[in-house]
Protein backbone atom coordinates (compact mmCIF):
# COMPACT_ATOMS: atom_id res chain seq x y z
CA UNK A 1 21.58 -32.26 9.70
CA UNK A 2 21.74 -30.62 6.36
CA UNK A 3 25.38 -29.02 6.00
CA UNK A 4 24.94 -26.52 3.69
CA UNK A 5 25.04 -22.45 3.28
CA UNK A 6 21.94 -20.51 3.46
CA UNK A 7 20.19 -19.72 -0.14
CA UNK A 8 21.48 -17.08 -2.07
CA UNK A 9 24.93 -17.68 -0.09
CA UNK A 10 27.93 -19.77 -1.05
CA UNK A 11 31.35 -20.73 -0.39
CA UNK A 12 34.17 -19.34 -2.66
CA UNK A 13 36.98 -22.41 -3.46
CA UNK A 14 40.77 -21.56 -3.83
CA UNK A 15 41.15 -21.65 -7.45
CA UNK A 16 38.25 -18.79 -8.05
CA UNK A 17 39.30 -17.17 -4.40
CA UNK A 18 42.81 -16.44 -6.06
CA UNK A 19 41.41 -15.09 -9.16
CA UNK A 20 39.12 -13.10 -7.33
CA UNK A 21 41.95 -11.50 -4.97
CA UNK A 22 44.06 -10.83 -8.39
CA UNK A 23 41.18 -8.68 -10.36
CA UNK A 24 40.78 -6.80 -7.12
CA UNK A 25 44.04 -6.31 -6.26
CA UNK A 26 44.84 -5.25 -10.03
CA UNK A 27 41.79 -2.41 -9.64
CA UNK A 28 42.09 -1.38 -6.21
CA UNK A 29 45.95 -0.22 -7.28
CA UNK A 30 44.73 1.33 -10.32
CA UNK A 31 42.10 3.75 -8.09
CA UNK A 32 45.05 4.30 -6.42
CA UNK A 33 47.26 5.80 -8.83
CA UNK A 34 44.49 8.12 -9.59
CA UNK A 35 44.48 9.55 -5.78
CA UNK A 36 41.40 6.99 -4.40
CA UNK A 37 42.02 6.42 -0.65
CA UNK A 38 40.76 3.25 0.82
CA UNK A 39 37.78 2.96 3.00
CA UNK A 40 35.37 0.80 4.75
CA UNK A 41 32.32 1.23 6.11
CA UNK A 42 30.00 -0.91 8.40
CA UNK A 43 28.23 -4.10 7.11
CA UNK A 44 25.28 -3.18 9.05
CA UNK A 45 23.44 0.45 9.21
CA UNK A 46 19.90 1.58 10.63
CA UNK A 47 17.30 1.10 7.55
CA UNK A 48 16.32 4.64 8.46
CA UNK A 49 19.54 5.94 8.03
CA UNK A 50 19.61 3.73 4.21
CA UNK A 51 16.16 5.10 3.34
CA UNK A 52 17.10 8.88 3.97
CA UNK A 53 19.43 8.83 0.68
CA UNK A 54 15.88 7.49 -1.28
CA UNK A 55 14.53 4.62 -3.00
CA UNK A 56 17.07 1.59 -2.41
CA UNK A 57 17.10 -2.19 -3.50
CA UNK A 58 15.34 -4.22 -0.74
CA UNK A 59 17.77 -5.82 1.65
CA UNK A 60 17.05 -9.76 2.42
CA UNK A 61 18.58 -9.32 5.81
CA UNK A 62 16.95 -7.22 8.85
CA UNK A 63 17.53 -7.21 12.71
CA UNK A 64 16.74 -5.56 15.81
CA UNK A 65 19.69 -4.97 18.16
CA UNK A 66 19.87 -4.93 21.51
CA UNK A 67 18.65 -1.28 21.88
CA UNK A 68 15.81 -2.25 19.70
CA UNK A 69 16.91 -0.28 16.56
CA UNK A 70 16.05 -1.62 13.13
CA UNK A 71 19.21 -2.86 11.30
CA UNK A 72 19.75 -3.78 7.84
CA UNK A 73 22.93 -5.79 6.12
CA UNK A 74 23.79 -2.75 3.63
CA UNK A 75 22.25 -3.76 -0.03
CA UNK A 76 24.94 -0.63 -0.93
CA UNK A 77 27.49 1.56 0.00
CA UNK A 78 27.34 4.67 -1.98
CA UNK A 79 24.93 5.96 0.87
CA UNK A 80 26.86 4.69 3.72
CA UNK A 81 29.77 6.89 1.80
CA UNK A 82 27.90 9.56 2.06
CA UNK A 83 26.46 9.19 5.21
CA UNK A 84 30.33 9.12 6.24
CA UNK A 85 31.30 12.32 4.08
CA UNK A 86 28.28 14.30 5.69
CA UNK A 87 28.80 12.84 9.47
CA UNK A 88 32.74 12.25 10.23
CA UNK A 89 34.56 14.51 7.47
CA UNK A 90 31.94 17.96 7.58
CA UNK A 91 34.20 20.96 6.78
CA UNK A 92 37.57 19.19 4.55
CA UNK A 93 38.39 20.38 1.32
CA UNK A 94 37.64 18.32 -1.81
CA UNK A 95 37.68 16.65 -3.50
CA UNK A 96 37.57 13.28 -1.60
CA UNK A 97 38.12 10.51 -3.50
CA UNK A 98 37.59 6.96 -1.75
CA UNK A 99 37.78 3.27 -3.24
CA UNK A 100 36.58 -0.08 -1.60
CA UNK A 101 35.48 -3.58 -1.80
CA UNK A 102 33.23 -4.56 0.11
CA UNK A 103 30.01 -7.40 0.17
CA UNK A 104 26.58 -6.18 -0.11
CA UNK A 105 23.53 -8.11 0.18
CA UNK A 106 20.43 -7.78 -1.58
CA UNK A 107 17.10 -9.41 -2.70
CA UNK A 108 17.61 -11.00 -5.96
CA UNK A 109 14.93 -11.41 -8.89
CA UNK A 110 15.29 -14.68 -9.31
CA UNK A 111 15.48 -17.58 -6.55
CA UNK A 112 18.91 -18.94 -8.57
CA UNK A 113 20.45 -15.20 -7.65
CA UNK A 114 22.74 -14.62 -5.21
CA UNK A 115 21.67 -12.77 -2.17
CA UNK A 116 25.56 -11.62 -1.18
CA UNK A 117 27.82 -9.45 -3.66
CA UNK A 118 30.94 -8.30 -3.90
CA UNK A 119 31.10 -4.60 -4.99
CA UNK A 120 34.40 -2.98 -6.22
CA UNK A 121 33.64 0.83 -6.84
CA UNK A 122 34.71 3.95 -5.92
CA UNK A 123 33.43 7.75 -5.07
CA UNK A 124 34.33 11.42 -5.70
CA UNK A 125 33.36 13.95 -3.56
CA UNK A 126 33.61 17.75 -4.56
CA UNK A 127 34.57 17.61 -8.56
CA UNK A 128 31.71 18.63 -10.82
CA UNK A 129 31.32 18.57 -14.47
CA UNK A 130 32.59 16.92 -17.20
CA UNK A 131 35.88 16.53 -16.29
CA UNK A 132 35.07 14.71 -13.12
CA UNK A 133 32.35 12.53 -14.92
CA UNK A 134 34.73 11.22 -17.43
CA UNK A 135 37.33 10.54 -14.88
CA UNK A 136 34.87 8.09 -13.58
CA UNK A 137 33.43 6.91 -16.52
CA UNK A 138 36.97 6.45 -17.70
CA UNK A 139 38.28 4.57 -14.41
CA UNK A 140 35.03 2.20 -14.99
CA UNK A 141 35.79 1.04 -17.96
CA UNK A 142 40.05 1.37 -17.29
CA UNK A 143 38.57 -1.39 -14.21
CA UNK A 144 36.99 -3.70 -16.51
CA UNK A 145 39.30 -4.11 -18.86
CA UNK A 146 42.16 -4.91 -16.07
CA UNK A 147 39.42 -7.82 -14.79
CA UNK A 148 39.69 -9.13 -17.90
CA UNK A 149 36.84 -7.62 -20.23
CA UNK A 150 37.29 -6.47 -23.37
CA UNK A 151 33.60 -6.63 -25.16
CA UNK A 152 31.68 -4.66 -22.83
CA UNK A 153 29.25 -1.70 -23.39
CA UNK A 154 29.29 1.31 -21.18
CA UNK A 155 25.58 2.67 -21.81
CA UNK A 156 25.57 6.28 -20.60
CA UNK A 157 23.15 8.38 -20.23
CA UNK A 158 21.51 11.45 -17.89
CA UNK A 159 18.56 11.55 -15.97
CA UNK A 160 18.57 15.60 -16.25
CA UNK A 161 16.48 15.51 -19.19
CA UNK A 162 13.63 13.41 -18.21
CA UNK A 163 13.73 15.14 -14.60
CA UNK A 164 13.79 18.41 -16.09
CA UNK A 165 10.52 17.71 -18.50
CA UNK A 166 8.75 16.29 -15.75
CA UNK A 167 9.31 18.89 -13.45
CA UNK A 168 8.27 21.96 -15.98
CA UNK A 169 5.63 19.89 -17.58
CA UNK A 170 1.87 21.09 -16.18
CA UNK A 171 0.62 17.68 -15.31
CA UNK A 172 -0.39 16.21 -12.04
CA UNK A 173 1.99 15.46 -9.42
CA UNK A 174 0.25 11.79 -9.33
CA UNK A 175 1.01 11.48 -12.93
CA UNK A 176 4.66 12.57 -12.83
CA UNK A 177 5.14 9.92 -9.93
CA UNK A 178 3.99 7.15 -12.41
CA UNK A 179 6.07 8.31 -15.14
CA UNK A 180 8.84 7.86 -13.15
CA UNK A 181 7.93 4.50 -11.31
CA UNK A 182 7.33 3.10 -15.03
CA UNK A 183 10.80 4.47 -16.14
CA UNK A 184 12.56 2.94 -13.00
CA UNK A 185 11.01 -0.30 -14.16
CA UNK A 186 12.06 -0.25 -17.35
CA UNK A 187 7.95 -0.59 -18.62
CA UNK A 188 7.67 0.96 -21.06
CA UNK A 189 4.44 0.01 -22.21
CA UNK A 190 3.23 1.65 -18.82
CA UNK A 191 5.14 4.77 -20.10
CA UNK A 192 3.16 4.73 -23.76
CA UNK A 193 0.10 4.77 -21.73
CA UNK A 194 0.55 7.77 -19.65
CA UNK A 195 2.36 9.37 -22.19
CA UNK A 196 -1.32 9.30 -24.39
CA UNK A 197 -3.79 10.10 -21.44
CA UNK A 198 -5.61 13.42 -22.41
CA UNK A 199 -5.09 15.90 -20.02
CA UNK A 200 -1.37 15.63 -20.13
CA UNK A 201 0.33 18.67 -23.06
CA UNK A 202 1.10 16.31 -26.43
CA UNK A 203 4.76 18.32 -26.36
CA UNK A 204 5.87 16.69 -22.84
CA UNK A 205 4.46 13.65 -23.62
CA UNK A 206 5.91 12.73 -27.41
CA UNK A 207 9.24 13.92 -25.41
CA UNK A 208 8.79 11.53 -22.61
CA UNK A 209 7.81 8.26 -24.94
CA UNK A 210 10.70 8.94 -27.63
CA UNK A 211 13.42 9.68 -24.76
CA UNK A 212 13.98 5.93 -23.61
CA UNK A 213 14.37 4.58 -27.28
CA UNK A 214 17.05 7.07 -28.45
CA UNK A 215 20.52 5.77 -28.74
CA UNK A 216 23.68 5.83 -30.57
CA UNK A 217 26.69 7.35 -30.42
CA UNK A 218 27.21 11.52 -30.66
CA UNK A 219 24.38 12.15 -32.79
CA UNK A 220 21.76 10.35 -30.04
CA UNK A 221 22.50 13.03 -27.88
CA UNK A 222 21.81 15.39 -30.35
CA UNK A 223 18.23 13.86 -31.23
CA UNK A 224 17.63 14.28 -27.57
CA UNK A 225 18.41 17.78 -27.64
CA UNK A 226 15.69 17.81 -30.58
CA UNK A 227 13.38 16.95 -28.54
CA UNK A 228 13.95 18.64 -24.65
CA UNK A 229 15.73 21.94 -25.73
CA UNK A 230 12.40 23.42 -27.73
CA UNK A 231 10.52 22.55 -24.57
CA UNK A 232 13.47 24.23 -22.07
CA UNK A 233 14.65 21.10 -20.61
CA UNK A 234 17.96 19.92 -21.93
CA UNK A 235 19.29 19.65 -18.41
CA UNK A 236 22.30 17.67 -18.22
CA UNK A 237 23.18 17.38 -22.06
CA UNK A 238 25.65 20.07 -22.18
CA UNK A 239 27.74 17.93 -19.09
CA UNK A 240 27.09 14.59 -21.46
CA UNK A 241 28.27 15.89 -24.71
CA UNK A 242 31.43 17.33 -22.80
CA UNK A 243 32.14 13.93 -21.26
CA UNK A 244 31.76 11.81 -23.85
CA UNK A 245 34.09 13.90 -26.53
CA UNK A 246 36.68 13.52 -23.56
CA UNK A 247 35.97 9.55 -23.29
CA UNK A 248 36.12 9.45 -27.22
CA UNK A 249 39.39 11.62 -27.24
CA UNK A 250 40.93 9.21 -24.64
CA UNK A 251 40.13 5.89 -27.29
CA UNK A 252 37.06 4.81 -25.55
CA UNK A 253 34.33 5.57 -28.20
CA UNK A 254 33.94 1.61 -29.12
CA UNK A 255 33.03 0.87 -25.21
CA UNK A 256 30.18 3.72 -25.36
CA UNK A 257 26.49 3.53 -26.61
CA UNK A 258 24.62 6.89 -25.46
CA UNK A 259 21.18 5.66 -24.10
CA UNK A 260 18.50 7.45 -22.32
CA UNK A 261 16.60 4.40 -21.23
CA UNK A 262 19.14 3.67 -18.44
CA UNK A 263 17.53 4.80 -14.96
CA UNK A 264 18.84 3.01 -12.46
CA UNK A 265 16.90 1.29 -9.49
CA UNK A 266 17.97 3.79 -6.84
CA UNK A 267 16.12 7.26 -7.13
CA UNK A 268 19.22 9.30 -5.77
CA UNK A 269 20.79 10.05 -9.07
CA UNK A 270 20.95 14.15 -10.48
CA UNK A 271 22.90 13.67 -13.87
CA UNK A 272 25.28 11.48 -15.62
CA UNK A 273 24.17 7.98 -15.06
CA UNK A 274 26.06 4.44 -17.06
CA UNK A 275 25.94 1.20 -16.91
CA UNK A 276 28.14 -1.75 -18.50
CA UNK A 277 27.47 -4.70 -19.89
CA UNK A 278 28.44 -7.67 -21.58
CA UNK A 279 27.22 -9.90 -24.23
CA UNK A 280 25.48 -12.94 -23.31
CA UNK A 281 24.94 -12.22 -19.63
CA UNK A 282 21.47 -11.79 -18.03
CA UNK A 283 22.57 -8.49 -16.26
CA UNK A 284 24.54 -5.70 -15.81
CA UNK A 285 28.17 -5.80 -14.56
CA UNK A 286 27.61 -2.78 -12.69
CA UNK A 287 26.68 0.92 -12.39
CA UNK A 288 26.88 4.59 -11.47
CA UNK A 289 26.34 8.12 -11.93
CA UNK A 290 26.58 11.54 -10.66
CA UNK A 291 24.70 12.20 -6.93
CA UNK A 292 24.62 15.58 -6.05
CA UNK A 293 22.02 15.55 -3.65
CA UNK A 294 22.83 12.96 -1.09
CA UNK A 295 25.04 14.37 1.27
CA UNK A 296 22.52 17.05 2.00
CA UNK A 297 20.01 14.13 2.62
CA UNK A 298 22.55 13.38 5.62
CA UNK A 299 22.61 17.23 7.12
CA UNK A 300 25.66 17.61 5.34
CA UNK A 301 27.30 20.61 2.82
CA UNK A 302 25.65 20.40 -0.16
CA UNK A 303 28.52 18.63 -2.28
CA UNK A 304 28.59 17.26 -6.06
CA UNK A 305 29.30 13.43 -5.71
CA UNK A 306 29.47 10.82 -8.27
CA UNK A 307 31.10 7.50 -8.59
CA UNK A 308 30.40 3.50 -9.27
CA UNK A 309 30.62 0.29 -8.12
CA UNK A 310 30.61 -3.11 -10.40
CA UNK A 311 30.11 -6.85 -8.95
CA UNK A 312 32.86 -9.12 -8.90
CA UNK A 313 30.47 -12.03 -9.08
CA UNK A 314 29.39 -10.81 -12.26
CA UNK A 315 32.80 -10.25 -13.96
CA UNK A 316 33.77 -13.48 -12.80
CA UNK A 317 30.47 -14.91 -14.51
CA UNK A 318 31.06 -12.75 -18.16
CA UNK A 319 34.96 -13.99 -17.69
CA UNK A 320 33.70 -17.86 -18.03
CA UNK A 321 31.50 -17.06 -21.03
CA UNK A 322 32.77 -17.47 -24.68
CA UNK A 323 33.44 -13.37 -25.74
CA UNK A 324 33.56 -12.10 -29.48
CA UNK A 325 30.30 -14.75 -30.91
CA UNK A 326 27.39 -13.96 -32.39
CA UNK A 327 24.77 -16.34 -31.43
CA UNK A 328 21.14 -16.89 -32.81
CA UNK A 329 18.55 -13.89 -31.39
CA UNK A 330 16.50 -16.16 -28.73
CA UNK A 331 13.10 -16.10 -28.02
CA UNK A 332 10.86 -17.12 -25.38
CA UNK A 333 7.76 -18.99 -27.24
CA UNK A 334 4.62 -19.30 -24.98
CA UNK A 335 2.73 -22.66 -25.33
CA UNK A 336 -0.79 -22.87 -24.78
CA UNK A 337 -3.32 -19.93 -25.17
CA UNK A 338 -1.00 -17.54 -26.80
CA UNK A 339 0.82 -19.82 -29.09
CA UNK A 340 -0.94 -19.28 -32.16
CA UNK A 341 -1.02 -15.39 -31.97
CA UNK A 342 2.39 -15.33 -31.08
CA UNK A 343 3.31 -17.26 -34.10
CA UNK A 344 1.28 -14.60 -36.37
CA UNK A 345 2.84 -11.82 -34.84
CA UNK A 346 6.16 -12.75 -35.26
CA UNK A 347 5.53 -14.45 -38.88
CA UNK A 348 3.90 -10.38 -39.60
CA UNK A 349 6.97 -9.21 -38.28
CA UNK A 350 9.39 -11.32 -40.78
CA UNK A 351 10.84 -13.81 -38.81
CA UNK A 352 10.97 -17.36 -39.78
CA UNK A 353 8.27 -19.40 -37.58
CA UNK A 354 8.65 -22.88 -40.16
CA UNK A 355 8.37 -25.68 -37.32
CA UNK A 356 6.67 -23.81 -34.89
CA UNK A 357 3.27 -24.24 -35.28
CA UNK A 358 3.77 -28.11 -34.65
CA UNK A 359 7.20 -28.79 -33.03
CA UNK A 360 6.29 -31.84 -31.49
CA UNK A 361 8.36 -32.67 -28.39
CA UNK A 362 11.03 -30.09 -29.49
CA UNK A 363 11.68 -27.68 -26.81
CA UNK A 364 13.59 -25.24 -29.33
CA UNK A 365 12.76 -24.43 -32.87
CA UNK A 366 16.17 -23.20 -34.55
CA UNK A 367 15.69 -21.34 -37.74
CA UNK A 368 18.00 -19.14 -39.97
CA UNK A 369 19.45 -16.35 -37.28
CA UNK A 370 16.62 -17.36 -34.80
CA UNK A 371 16.15 -20.09 -31.91
CA UNK A 372 12.79 -20.00 -30.60
CA UNK A 373 12.75 -21.12 -26.85
CA UNK A 374 9.50 -22.98 -26.23
CA UNK A 375 8.45 -22.84 -22.84
CA UNK A 376 5.18 -22.08 -20.30
CA UNK A 377 4.10 -18.25 -20.45
CA UNK A 378 4.44 -18.24 -16.61
CA UNK A 379 8.13 -19.39 -17.44
CA UNK A 380 8.96 -17.05 -19.98
CA UNK A 381 9.55 -14.40 -17.60
CA UNK A 382 11.94 -16.36 -15.70
CA UNK A 383 14.13 -16.90 -18.82
CA UNK A 384 14.35 -13.95 -20.26
CA UNK A 385 15.10 -11.81 -17.08
CA UNK A 386 18.13 -15.14 -17.00
CA UNK A 387 19.43 -14.51 -20.00
CA UNK A 388 18.91 -17.88 -21.55
CA UNK A 389 16.66 -15.98 -24.12
CA UNK A 390 16.84 -12.66 -25.34
CA UNK A 391 13.63 -11.55 -25.44
CA UNK A 392 10.22 -13.14 -25.24
CA UNK A 393 6.26 -12.98 -25.21
CA UNK A 394 3.55 -13.90 -22.26
CA UNK A 395 0.84 -12.13 -20.73
CA UNK A 396 0.94 -8.91 -18.59
CA UNK A 397 -0.33 -11.33 -15.11
CA UNK A 398 2.93 -13.55 -15.89
CA UNK A 399 5.08 -10.17 -15.90
CA UNK A 400 2.98 -9.20 -12.78
CA UNK A 401 3.24 -12.40 -10.92
CA UNK A 402 6.87 -13.14 -11.53
CA UNK A 403 8.31 -9.31 -10.91
CA UNK A 404 11.11 -9.87 -13.14
CA UNK A 405 14.31 -7.31 -14.20
CA UNK A 406 13.07 -7.20 -17.46
CA UNK A 407 12.25 -3.99 -20.58
CA UNK A 408 8.83 -4.29 -21.06
CA UNK A 409 8.25 -2.77 -24.71
CA UNK A 410 5.22 -3.44 -26.99
CA UNK A 411 1.25 -4.80 -25.55
CA UNK A 412 0.60 -7.11 -28.34
CA UNK A 413 -3.04 -6.42 -27.79
CA UNK A 414 -4.22 -10.13 -27.50
CA UNK A 415 -4.60 -12.38 -25.34
CA UNK A 416 -7.32 -10.42 -23.44
CA UNK A 417 -8.40 -11.48 -20.02
CA UNK A 418 -8.58 -9.89 -16.54
CA UNK A 419 -8.10 -10.89 -12.83
CA UNK A 420 -10.99 -10.62 -10.75
CA UNK A 421 -12.15 -10.97 -7.21
CA UNK A 422 -15.10 -13.49 -6.76
CA UNK A 423 -17.24 -14.95 -4.35
CA UNK A 424 -20.15 -17.24 -3.72
CA UNK A 425 -23.22 -15.17 -4.91
CA UNK A 426 -24.85 -13.48 -1.73
CA UNK A 427 -21.73 -14.04 0.37
CA UNK A 428 -21.02 -10.28 0.95
CA UNK A 429 -22.79 -9.85 4.03
CA UNK A 430 -20.67 -12.97 5.51
CA UNK A 431 -17.44 -11.70 4.05
CA UNK A 432 -18.06 -8.45 5.74
CA UNK A 433 -18.81 -9.81 8.90
CA UNK A 434 -15.69 -12.03 8.96
CA UNK A 435 -13.13 -9.17 8.25
CA UNK A 436 -15.10 -7.28 11.02
CA UNK A 437 -14.51 -10.00 13.78
CA UNK A 438 -11.23 -11.22 12.62
CA UNK A 439 -9.51 -8.59 10.88
CA UNK A 440 -8.78 -10.17 7.77
CA UNK A 441 -10.11 -12.82 5.21
CA UNK A 442 -8.77 -15.55 3.22
CA UNK A 443 -8.31 -16.21 -0.35
CA UNK A 444 -7.51 -19.06 -2.56
CA UNK A 445 -5.57 -18.07 -6.24
CA UNK A 446 -2.40 -19.73 -8.35
CA UNK A 447 -1.17 -15.98 -8.44
CA UNK A 448 0.01 -14.94 -4.84
CA UNK A 449 1.70 -11.74 -6.18
CA UNK A 450 -0.51 -10.09 -7.83
CA UNK A 451 -3.20 -10.90 -5.14
CA UNK A 452 -0.91 -9.50 -2.10
CA UNK A 453 -0.53 -6.08 -4.46
CA UNK A 454 -4.21 -5.30 -5.00
CA UNK A 455 -5.01 -6.31 -1.44
CA UNK A 456 -2.39 -3.91 -0.15
CA UNK A 457 -3.08 -1.35 -2.60
CA UNK A 458 -6.81 -1.54 -0.83
CA UNK A 459 -5.33 -1.78 2.72
CA UNK A 460 -7.64 -4.79 3.37
CA UNK A 461 -5.68 -7.66 5.45
CA UNK A 462 -5.61 -10.96 3.52
CA UNK A 463 -4.52 -14.65 4.07
CA UNK A 464 -3.68 -15.76 1.06
CA UNK A 465 -3.67 -20.06 0.12
CA UNK A 466 -2.19 -20.68 -3.13
CA UNK A 467 -3.92 -23.68 -5.49
CA UNK A 468 -2.33 -24.69 -8.43
CA UNK A 469 -5.70 -25.94 -9.72
CA UNK A 470 -9.56 -25.44 -9.22
CA UNK A 471 -8.94 -22.35 -7.05
CA UNK A 472 -12.84 -22.06 -7.14
CA UNK A 473 -13.38 -24.79 -4.81
CA UNK A 474 -11.88 -22.95 -2.06
CA UNK A 475 -14.97 -20.55 -1.64
CA UNK A 476 -17.57 -23.37 -2.54
CA UNK A 477 -16.47 -25.83 0.63
CA UNK A 478 -15.71 -23.49 3.17
CA UNK A 479 -12.01 -23.24 2.96
CA UNK A 480 -11.63 -19.54 1.71
CA UNK A 481 -13.93 -16.14 1.53
CA UNK A 482 -13.10 -15.37 -1.84
CA UNK A 483 -10.86 -15.74 -4.92
CA UNK A 484 -8.47 -13.71 -7.17
CA UNK A 485 -8.30 -15.61 -10.62
CA UNK A 486 -7.88 -14.83 -14.26
CA UNK A 487 -11.28 -14.56 -16.53
CA UNK A 488 -11.52 -14.08 -20.22
CA UNK A 489 -15.79 -14.91 -20.40
CA UNK A 490 -16.84 -15.22 -16.94
CA UNK A 491 -18.27 -18.61 -17.98
CA UNK A 492 -16.48 -21.28 -14.76
CA UNK A 493 -17.52 -18.22 -12.13
CA UNK A 494 -20.84 -18.66 -13.75
CA UNK A 495 -21.21 -22.34 -13.50
CA UNK A 496 -20.04 -22.65 -10.03
CA UNK A 497 -22.48 -19.74 -8.65
CA UNK A 498 -19.52 -17.46 -8.13
CA UNK A 499 -19.98 -13.72 -8.56
CA UNK A 500 -17.58 -10.88 -9.22
CA UNK A 501 -17.09 -8.27 -6.37
CA UNK A 502 -14.23 -6.49 -8.19
CA UNK A 503 -11.31 -6.18 -11.31
CA UNK A 504 -7.98 -6.56 -10.37
CA UNK A 505 -6.41 -5.84 -13.41
CA UNK A 506 -6.75 -6.22 -17.46
CA UNK A 507 -3.91 -9.04 -19.02
CA UNK A 508 -2.90 -8.94 -22.83
CA UNK A 509 -0.07 -10.53 -24.64
CA UNK A 510 3.77 -8.40 -23.95
CA UNK A 511 6.61 -8.33 -25.93
CA UNK A 512 9.64 -8.16 -23.27
CA UNK A 513 13.44 -8.34 -23.43
CA UNK A 514 16.28 -8.85 -21.10
CA UNK A 515 18.25 -5.75 -20.01
CA UNK A 516 21.34 -6.36 -21.57
CA UNK A 517 20.08 -8.24 -24.88
CA UNK A 518 17.78 -4.75 -24.92
CA UNK A 519 21.17 -2.29 -24.91
CA UNK A 520 23.36 -4.80 -26.47
CA UNK A 521 21.48 -6.44 -29.37
CA UNK A 522 20.39 -4.13 -32.10
CA UNK A 523 17.96 -7.28 -33.23
CA UNK A 524 16.26 -6.40 -29.98
CA UNK A 525 15.26 -3.05 -30.79
CA UNK A 526 14.29 -3.47 -33.98
CA UNK A 527 12.09 -6.88 -33.82
CA UNK A 528 10.23 -4.48 -31.27
CA UNK A 529 9.73 -1.65 -33.65
CA UNK A 530 8.46 -4.11 -36.12
CA UNK A 531 5.99 -5.53 -33.92
CA UNK A 532 4.54 -2.16 -32.41
CA UNK A 533 4.41 -1.03 -36.54
CA UNK A 534 2.51 -4.48 -37.02
CA UNK A 535 -0.21 -3.94 -34.62
């Protein structure tokens, strides 16, 4: 028997446990000094109760209890607090201030990531306005400093503007949902495409496209106001600027970054939103915001509400990294068919690409101010998502297949190819009969996630067999009915008597960045602008 912990879970030994205990005690004492009372919520919740609050991260652990209820280990505490306040504390006069340290369970973006995390946070129910927002953000900053960090930034924005733009814009509801989905995914390439469609009013489209790239200090709020106010969509900006001014008066200006690209993976936020980042970290330390509508989702009395949580594990990892040192910009450069064009566009963007054309066996090429990490295209999203590289280039197919937590910035336009569904010529009657009898078909592919997403979209049951090469053999020898594969010219398909029966998606090279690097390192945003201008 192999006596190891389950994947994504680990033991904490005494030295680390003691440091965790010290950080937790000091932060909770801070919250207590400001009137926040301790609470505890159950580890398990009914899945539909959690989903009532809105979009939530996937929970890796779901189970049925003895009565048949579908339960999940909590992926978040905020919705539990809202549920508790709506059902157990109905009618109590506020504000209600709560603090907690609790474990949450999430399905990680990368295989190496933890599935169990410790959230330290607070929630304030019944208080609204700039003072309440400043209280929450200020305590977030104080807590991180108490934990030992001093080089972090809190990216501060509001969802009010983009929501007002979408509500006011006279466009189809499906388009608005697509825009929100692109915002949530930080896919600003898709956002750019959506805002260029002919049936979308130009003024609204232009404002939505520019908003995510507005950042800076107080002037950034005024820049957003100049975009949104003529359209009557400046919702939330007055509270944001007032909270920003209060925080600056308390000496926190150097820790703040106004950034309108912030949009949590949750969709329950209604006003101010914020995330904390530390240089060199691949993910945020924690996040929070205002969620004024959540109690009503649990049939509670409508109450203004806001809060935040940070991950103790992320803080511990940040403390272990050297602080205050700027490293060269790290770019993941793909091998293979995308390599030559990638070198060309990087050189045109003004970077020194010496040594990239013939690196030999070198895996890292270091030039003044930049390190090129030479990787397979399929690995580039992993290097960037985990913070080993600040930004990178690969095909859209690699990003869709990996589904990493990255910010997609520029469609570079080269490496054009497409994904298709193919089968032996004339096989349609046989495949349709198999589906009629068995209720599914079998598909061979190198890209199971892309294949699953396609068949989910068309509502067809499918059995996916992953191969690493020569997937065309599958239907030729009867192992599968169809294939999903990438093609540029279709030559290989024709030579093996395979015909295309549907298109899955198009793919071109994309420039993308780690979320922390995108917000903390101005070199990343500057490079994305140069790459976009050079197209």
